[in-house]
Protein backbone atom coordinates (compact mmCIF):
# COMPACT_ATOMS: atom_id res chain seq x y z
CA MET A 1 -7.38 -12.04 12.96
CA SER A 2 -7.31 -11.03 9.59
CA GLN A 3 -9.60 -8.83 8.16
CA PRO A 4 -11.13 -9.26 4.74
CA PHE A 5 -10.62 -7.29 1.78
CA VAL A 6 -12.32 -4.56 1.18
CA LEU A 7 -12.27 -1.18 -0.86
CA SER A 8 -11.85 1.97 1.19
CA HIS A 9 -14.47 3.85 1.88
CA ASP A 10 -13.82 7.07 0.06
CA LYS A 11 -14.18 6.13 -3.47
CA SER A 12 -17.72 7.04 -5.02
CA TYR A 13 -19.61 6.36 -8.02
CA ASP A 14 -18.80 10.31 -9.45
CA ASP A 15 -15.10 8.91 -9.77
CA LEU A 16 -16.21 6.65 -12.08
CA ASP A 17 -17.03 9.56 -15.01
CA SER A 18 -15.48 8.63 -17.85
CA ARG A 19 -15.45 12.25 -19.12
CA LYS A 20 -12.50 13.08 -16.50
CA PRO A 21 -9.12 12.24 -17.84
CA SER A 22 -7.32 9.44 -15.69
CA GLY A 23 -4.86 11.65 -14.12
CA THR A 24 -7.64 13.65 -12.00
CA GLY A 25 -9.38 10.52 -10.90
CA GLY A 26 -12.04 8.31 -12.71
CA ALA A 27 -12.12 4.62 -13.75
CA GLY A 28 -8.02 4.59 -13.82
CA ARG A 29 -7.43 6.07 -9.93
CA ILE A 30 -10.33 3.42 -9.23
CA VAL A 31 -8.34 0.40 -10.59
CA LYS A 32 -4.98 2.01 -9.61
CA ASP A 33 -6.35 2.27 -6.00
CA PHE A 34 -7.90 -1.05 -5.75
CA PHE A 35 -4.47 -2.43 -6.48
CA LEU A 36 -3.32 -0.48 -4.33
CA ASP A 37 -5.69 -1.87 -1.49
CA LEU A 38 -5.21 -5.15 -2.77
CA TRP A 39 -1.30 -4.88 -2.39
CA ASP A 40 -1.67 -3.56 0.87
CA TYR A 41 -3.75 -6.48 2.32
CA LEU A 42 -1.90 -8.98 0.86
CA LYS A 43 2.04 -7.69 2.05
CA ASP A 44 1.82 -10.65 4.71
CA TRP A 45 0.91 -13.25 2.41
CA LYS A 46 3.00 -15.86 3.60
CA SER A 47 1.89 -15.41 7.20
CA LEU A 48 -0.48 -17.80 7.88
CA PRO A 49 -3.49 -17.11 10.65
CA ASP A 50 -3.29 -17.74 14.24
CA PHE A 51 -5.86 -20.85 14.76
CA ASP A 52 -6.00 -18.94 18.55
CA ASP A 53 -7.93 -16.05 17.00
CA TYR A 54 -10.45 -18.16 15.85
CA ALA A 55 -10.59 -21.24 18.20
CA PRO A 56 -13.24 -19.37 20.69
CA ALA A 57 -15.85 -19.05 17.65
CA LEU A 58 -15.30 -23.02 16.53
CA CYS A 59 -17.93 -25.76 18.36
CA ASP A 60 -16.62 -28.39 20.33
CA ASN A 61 -17.26 -31.31 17.66
CA ALA A 62 -17.17 -30.93 13.91
CA LEU A 63 -19.12 -33.83 12.21
CA TRP A 64 -19.67 -35.21 15.45
CA ILE A 65 -15.92 -37.10 15.23
CA LEU A 66 -13.51 -34.11 15.16
CA PRO A 67 -12.53 -32.24 18.31
CA LYS A 68 -11.82 -28.14 18.20
CA HIS A 69 -8.19 -29.02 18.32
CA SER A 70 -7.18 -32.05 16.33
CA TRP A 71 -4.88 -31.28 13.84
CA LEU A 72 -7.05 -31.80 10.30
CA ARG A 73 -9.16 -29.32 11.95
CA VAL A 74 -6.74 -27.27 13.25
CA LYS A 75 -5.04 -27.21 9.59
CA LEU A 76 -8.30 -26.60 7.53
CA VAL A 77 -9.41 -23.61 9.44
CA THR A 78 -5.66 -22.27 9.13
CA LEU A 79 -6.09 -22.64 5.38
CA VAL A 80 -9.69 -21.42 4.84
CA HIS A 81 -8.65 -17.91 6.59
CA TRP A 82 -5.32 -17.85 4.93
CA LYS A 83 -5.40 -14.59 2.57
CA VAL A 84 -4.43 -16.14 -0.51
CA PHE A 85 -6.72 -18.99 0.06
CA GLU A 86 -9.47 -16.27 0.14
CA MET A 87 -7.96 -14.64 -3.24
CA LEU A 88 -7.93 -17.98 -5.08
CA ILE A 89 -11.57 -18.60 -4.35
CA LEU A 90 -12.47 -15.09 -5.73
CA LEU A 91 -10.94 -15.75 -8.77
CA ALA A 92 -12.06 -19.34 -9.20
CA ILE A 93 -15.61 -17.41 -8.62
CA LEU A 94 -14.91 -14.68 -11.43
CA ALA A 95 -13.68 -17.78 -13.81
CA ASN A 96 -16.61 -19.30 -13.36
CA CYS A 97 -18.88 -16.17 -14.36
CA VAL A 98 -17.06 -15.42 -17.35
CA THR A 99 -17.14 -19.01 -18.51
CA LEU A 100 -20.84 -18.74 -17.87
CA ALA A 101 -21.16 -15.77 -19.66
CA LEU A 102 -19.07 -16.74 -22.54
CA ASP A 103 -21.09 -20.64 -22.94
CA SER A 104 -24.69 -18.70 -22.61
CA LYS A 105 -26.71 -19.38 -25.57
CA ALA A 106 -28.32 -16.09 -25.94
CA PRO A 107 -30.23 -15.61 -29.07
CA SER A 108 -28.59 -13.82 -31.83
CA TYR A 109 -29.12 -10.14 -33.20
CA GLN A 110 -29.78 -10.79 -36.46
């Protein structure tokens, strides 16, 4: 079963102190560690998850018409648990946040 992407738990807020040079820690190290963790998570991005790992948690019928092992349901469950799909959804959410921030009608500071 694939695990959701999480950062390592050895990071602390003290590491975000911008007064530290990036070579010894600070925000540069946090960003570097983030991308290294992301790389480790996405190493086997081409491999699709195994449906049998998720099948026991599924109910017998979805929408009262799709049985547990119908071809459509198997394909959709596999797609939803794929690492690339997870990252695409997170990127869409991030793009939406940026779009909302740029489109906000905040009053000017004049």
